[in-house]
């Protein structure tokens, strides 16, 4: 797959979340919501370059005005998400120019739980999804609607569109010559994002 085209800074949303099978349904819903709100998701899984992983993440953070950090796994312990959240806040606080205008959303499965492990982050914008993909859509939509310069569809509307997309995924997979199981795997996130964007444009 070709390297993704450059995305305008003000439309870029860096996604920092767990990469595992249990989280994948939430990831799919968040990816769909970000694009349906008129933004473009940036995620390490879509990068096909040969750069060191941390360097790729830093470059995505540098090129994104917004970010969403799901810290629901940091108590297990898995600290990558908290680490990347810290990088984003550092870019916001110590950067210059447009970096100063960065903004982020902290997600967790339980409301305000992340404050127990990251007490210094208590002033950040946070929301809880209860491990429910449809709640994740609601949280992400609310955050991006506050940041968008254009009208953003309501959560119920985006949810209905997402459910239609999921229902049509087997047909879309056949057309793309992949299986539905492949599209539900982490190895095919870039392919899934491409199909989402095509479907959203065709069904606008």
Protein backbone atom coordinates (compact mmCIF):
# COMPACT_ATOMS: atom_id res chain seq x y z
CA UNK A 1 0.00 0.00 0.00
CA UNK A 2 1.27 3.45 -0.88
CA UNK A 3 2.37 5.90 1.77
CA UNK A 4 -0.61 8.07 2.83
CA UNK A 5 -0.76 11.54 1.31
CA UNK A 6 0.14 14.47 3.60
CA UNK A 7 -2.77 15.60 5.79
CA UNK A 8 -3.41 19.27 6.67
CA UNK A 9 -2.23 19.99 10.20
CA UNK A 10 -5.55 21.38 11.43
CA UNK A 11 -7.41 18.28 10.22
CA UNK A 12 -5.02 15.69 11.66
CA UNK A 13 -5.95 13.65 14.74
CA UNK A 14 -3.23 11.42 16.21
CA UNK A 15 -4.69 8.26 17.76
CA UNK A 16 -2.84 6.74 20.68
CA UNK A 17 -4.55 3.57 21.86
CA UNK A 18 -4.01 -0.11 22.68
CA UNK A 19 -3.16 -2.35 19.74
CA UNK A 20 -4.79 -5.65 20.61
CA UNK A 21 -7.73 -7.79 19.49
CA UNK A 22 -9.89 -6.84 22.46
CA UNK A 23 -9.59 -3.13 21.69
CA UNK A 24 -10.02 -3.43 17.90
CA UNK A 25 -13.84 -2.89 17.87
CA UNK A 26 -13.35 0.41 19.71
CA UNK A 27 -10.51 1.40 17.40
CA UNK A 28 -12.69 0.78 14.33
CA UNK A 29 -15.49 2.94 15.76
CA UNK A 30 -13.10 5.76 16.69
CA UNK A 31 -11.46 5.72 13.25
CA UNK A 32 -14.86 5.94 11.56
CA UNK A 33 -16.01 8.75 13.84
CA UNK A 34 -12.87 10.85 13.31
CA UNK A 35 -13.30 10.72 9.54
CA UNK A 36 -17.07 11.21 9.66
CA UNK A 37 -16.48 14.40 11.67
CA UNK A 38 -14.37 15.78 8.81
CA UNK A 39 -10.94 15.04 10.28
CA UNK A 40 -8.22 12.54 9.32
CA UNK A 41 -6.91 9.93 11.72
CA UNK A 42 -3.17 9.36 12.06
CA UNK A 43 -2.10 6.11 13.68
CA UNK A 44 1.22 4.29 13.86
CA UNK A 45 -0.31 1.12 12.35
CA UNK A 46 -0.94 2.87 9.01
CA UNK A 47 2.66 4.02 8.56
CA UNK A 48 4.54 1.79 6.13
CA UNK A 49 7.86 3.67 6.27
CA UNK A 50 11.06 2.18 7.58
CA UNK A 51 11.74 4.75 10.29
CA UNK A 52 12.17 3.75 13.91
CA UNK A 53 8.75 3.42 15.58
CA UNK A 54 9.27 6.23 18.10
CA UNK A 55 10.51 8.57 15.36
CA UNK A 56 7.37 7.81 13.31
CA UNK A 57 5.15 8.52 16.31
CA UNK A 58 6.91 11.82 17.04
CA UNK A 59 6.51 12.86 13.39
CA UNK A 60 2.79 12.08 13.51
CA UNK A 61 2.43 14.06 16.74
CA UNK A 62 4.30 16.99 15.21
CA UNK A 63 1.97 16.94 12.23
CA UNK A 64 -1.31 16.68 14.18
CA UNK A 65 -3.14 19.53 15.87
CA UNK A 66 -5.38 17.14 17.81
CA UNK A 67 -4.94 13.81 19.49
CA UNK A 68 -6.98 11.16 21.29
CA UNK A 69 -5.28 9.08 23.96
CA UNK A 70 -7.03 5.98 25.29
CA UNK A 71 -5.38 5.20 28.62
CA UNK A 72 -7.69 2.35 29.58
CA UNK A 73 -4.80 -0.14 29.61
CA UNK A 74 -2.17 1.76 31.58
CA UNK A 75 -2.89 -0.08 34.82
CA UNK A 76 -1.96 -3.53 33.48
CA UNK A 77 0.86 -2.18 33.23
CA UNK A 78 1.23 -0.93 29.66
CA UNK A 79 2.81 2.49 29.60
CA UNK A 80 3.19 3.20 25.88
CA UNK A 81 -0.09 5.13 25.78
CA UNK A 82 0.84 7.30 28.78
CA UNK A 83 4.30 7.85 27.27
CA UNK A 84 2.88 9.03 23.94
CA UNK A 85 0.37 11.23 25.74
CA UNK A 86 3.32 12.85 27.52
CA UNK A 87 5.10 13.44 24.22
CA UNK A 88 2.02 15.21 22.86
CA UNK A 89 1.64 17.41 25.96
CA UNK A 90 5.35 18.20 25.77
CA UNK A 91 4.99 19.30 22.15
CA UNK A 92 2.07 21.49 23.18
CA UNK A 93 3.83 23.06 26.16
CA UNK A 94 7.37 23.45 24.84
CA UNK A 95 6.75 23.79 21.11
CA UNK A 96 6.52 27.02 19.19
CA UNK A 97 4.15 28.37 16.56
CA UNK A 98 1.28 26.09 15.69
CA UNK A 99 2.44 23.45 18.17
CA UNK A 100 1.16 25.69 20.96
CA UNK A 101 -2.38 25.31 19.63
CA UNK A 102 -2.50 21.53 20.03
CA UNK A 103 -5.41 19.95 21.91
CA UNK A 104 -6.14 16.45 23.15
CA UNK A 105 -8.79 14.14 24.54
CA UNK A 106 -8.01 11.48 27.14
CA UNK A 107 -10.22 8.40 26.95
CA UNK A 108 -10.62 5.65 29.51
CA UNK A 109 -13.06 2.82 30.08
CA UNK A 110 -13.97 4.26 33.50
CA UNK A 111 -14.56 7.97 34.05
CA UNK A 112 -11.57 9.80 35.61
CA UNK A 113 -9.71 6.56 36.41
CA UNK A 114 -6.64 7.75 34.52
CA UNK A 115 -6.23 10.49 37.13
CA UNK A 116 -5.26 7.86 39.71
CA UNK A 117 -2.22 6.79 37.70
CA UNK A 118 -1.54 10.17 36.06
CA UNK A 119 -2.60 12.66 38.71
CA UNK A 120 -0.79 15.52 36.97
CA UNK A 121 -3.14 15.01 34.00
CA UNK A 122 -6.24 15.94 35.98
CA UNK A 123 -6.68 19.16 34.00
CA UNK A 124 -6.88 17.40 30.62
CA UNK A 125 -10.12 16.91 28.71
CA UNK A 126 -11.32 13.39 29.54
CA UNK A 127 -14.22 11.04 28.75
CA UNK A 128 -15.21 7.43 29.44
CA UNK A 129 -16.35 4.92 26.81
CA UNK A 130 -17.18 1.95 29.10
CA UNK A 131 -15.52 -0.36 26.54
CA UNK A 132 -18.47 0.26 24.23
CA UNK A 133 -17.65 1.26 20.61
CA UNK A 134 -20.83 3.33 20.33
CA UNK A 135 -19.95 5.24 23.51
CA UNK A 136 -16.50 5.82 22.02
CA UNK A 137 -18.17 7.46 19.01
CA UNK A 138 -20.12 9.73 21.35
CA UNK A 139 -16.97 10.76 23.24
CA UNK A 140 -14.89 11.41 20.14
CA UNK A 141 -17.68 13.27 18.36
CA UNK A 142 -18.19 15.58 21.35
CA UNK A 143 -14.49 16.45 21.43
CA UNK A 144 -14.10 17.05 17.70
CA UNK A 145 -17.35 19.02 17.43
CA UNK A 146 -15.89 21.53 19.89
CA UNK A 147 -12.78 21.89 17.73
CA UNK A 148 -14.25 21.84 14.22
CA UNK A 149 -14.74 25.01 12.24
CA UNK A 150 -17.54 23.28 10.30
CA UNK A 151 -20.82 21.71 11.47
CA UNK A 152 -20.33 18.14 12.71
CA UNK A 153 -23.08 15.48 12.52
CA UNK A 154 -24.61 14.29 15.78
CA UNK A 155 -23.48 11.12 17.54
CA UNK A 156 -26.71 9.27 16.69
CA UNK A 157 -26.27 10.05 12.98
CA UNK A 158 -22.62 8.93 12.97
CA UNK A 159 -23.57 5.78 14.88
CA UNK A 160 -26.23 4.85 12.33
CA UNK A 161 -23.74 5.37 9.51
CA UNK A 162 -21.13 3.29 11.30
CA UNK A 163 -23.59 0.44 11.80
CA UNK A 164 -24.46 0.59 8.08
CA UNK A 165 -20.76 0.47 7.21
CA UNK A 166 -20.24 -2.56 9.44
CA UNK A 167 -23.24 -4.30 7.87
CA UNK A 168 -21.79 -3.69 4.40
CA UNK A 169 -18.24 -4.70 5.33
CA UNK A 170 -18.50 -8.25 3.88
CA UNK A 171 -19.48 -6.80 0.48
CA UNK A 172 -16.76 -4.13 0.69
CA UNK A 173 -14.21 -6.77 1.63
CA UNK A 174 -15.11 -8.91 -1.39
CA UNK A 175 -14.70 -5.91 -3.68
CA UNK A 176 -11.30 -5.16 -2.15
CA UNK A 177 -10.28 -8.84 -2.43
CA UNK A 178 -9.71 -9.22 1.28
CA UNK A 179 -11.64 -11.09 3.93
CA UNK A 180 -13.76 -9.56 6.68
CA UNK A 181 -11.52 -11.32 9.20
CA UNK A 182 -8.49 -9.59 7.71
CA UNK A 183 -10.18 -6.19 7.93
CA UNK A 184 -10.88 -6.85 11.61
CA UNK A 185 -7.20 -7.55 12.29
CA UNK A 186 -4.58 -5.00 13.28
CA UNK A 187 -2.47 -5.84 10.21
CA UNK A 188 -5.16 -4.40 7.92
CA UNK A 189 -5.89 -1.10 9.71
CA UNK A 190 -4.65 0.97 6.76
CA UNK A 191 -6.83 -1.06 4.37
CA UNK A 192 -9.85 -0.62 6.63
CA UNK A 193 -9.29 3.12 6.86
CA UNK A 194 -9.15 3.33 3.09
CA UNK A 195 -12.45 1.48 2.74
CA UNK A 196 -14.02 3.67 5.43
CA UNK A 197 -13.05 6.87 3.64
CA UNK A 198 -14.29 5.56 0.29
CA UNK A 199 -17.59 4.47 1.84
CA UNK A 200 -18.06 7.78 3.64
CA UNK A 201 -17.47 9.75 0.43
CA UNK A 202 -19.88 7.53 -1.51
CA UNK A 203 -22.51 7.78 1.22
CA UNK A 204 -22.24 11.45 2.11
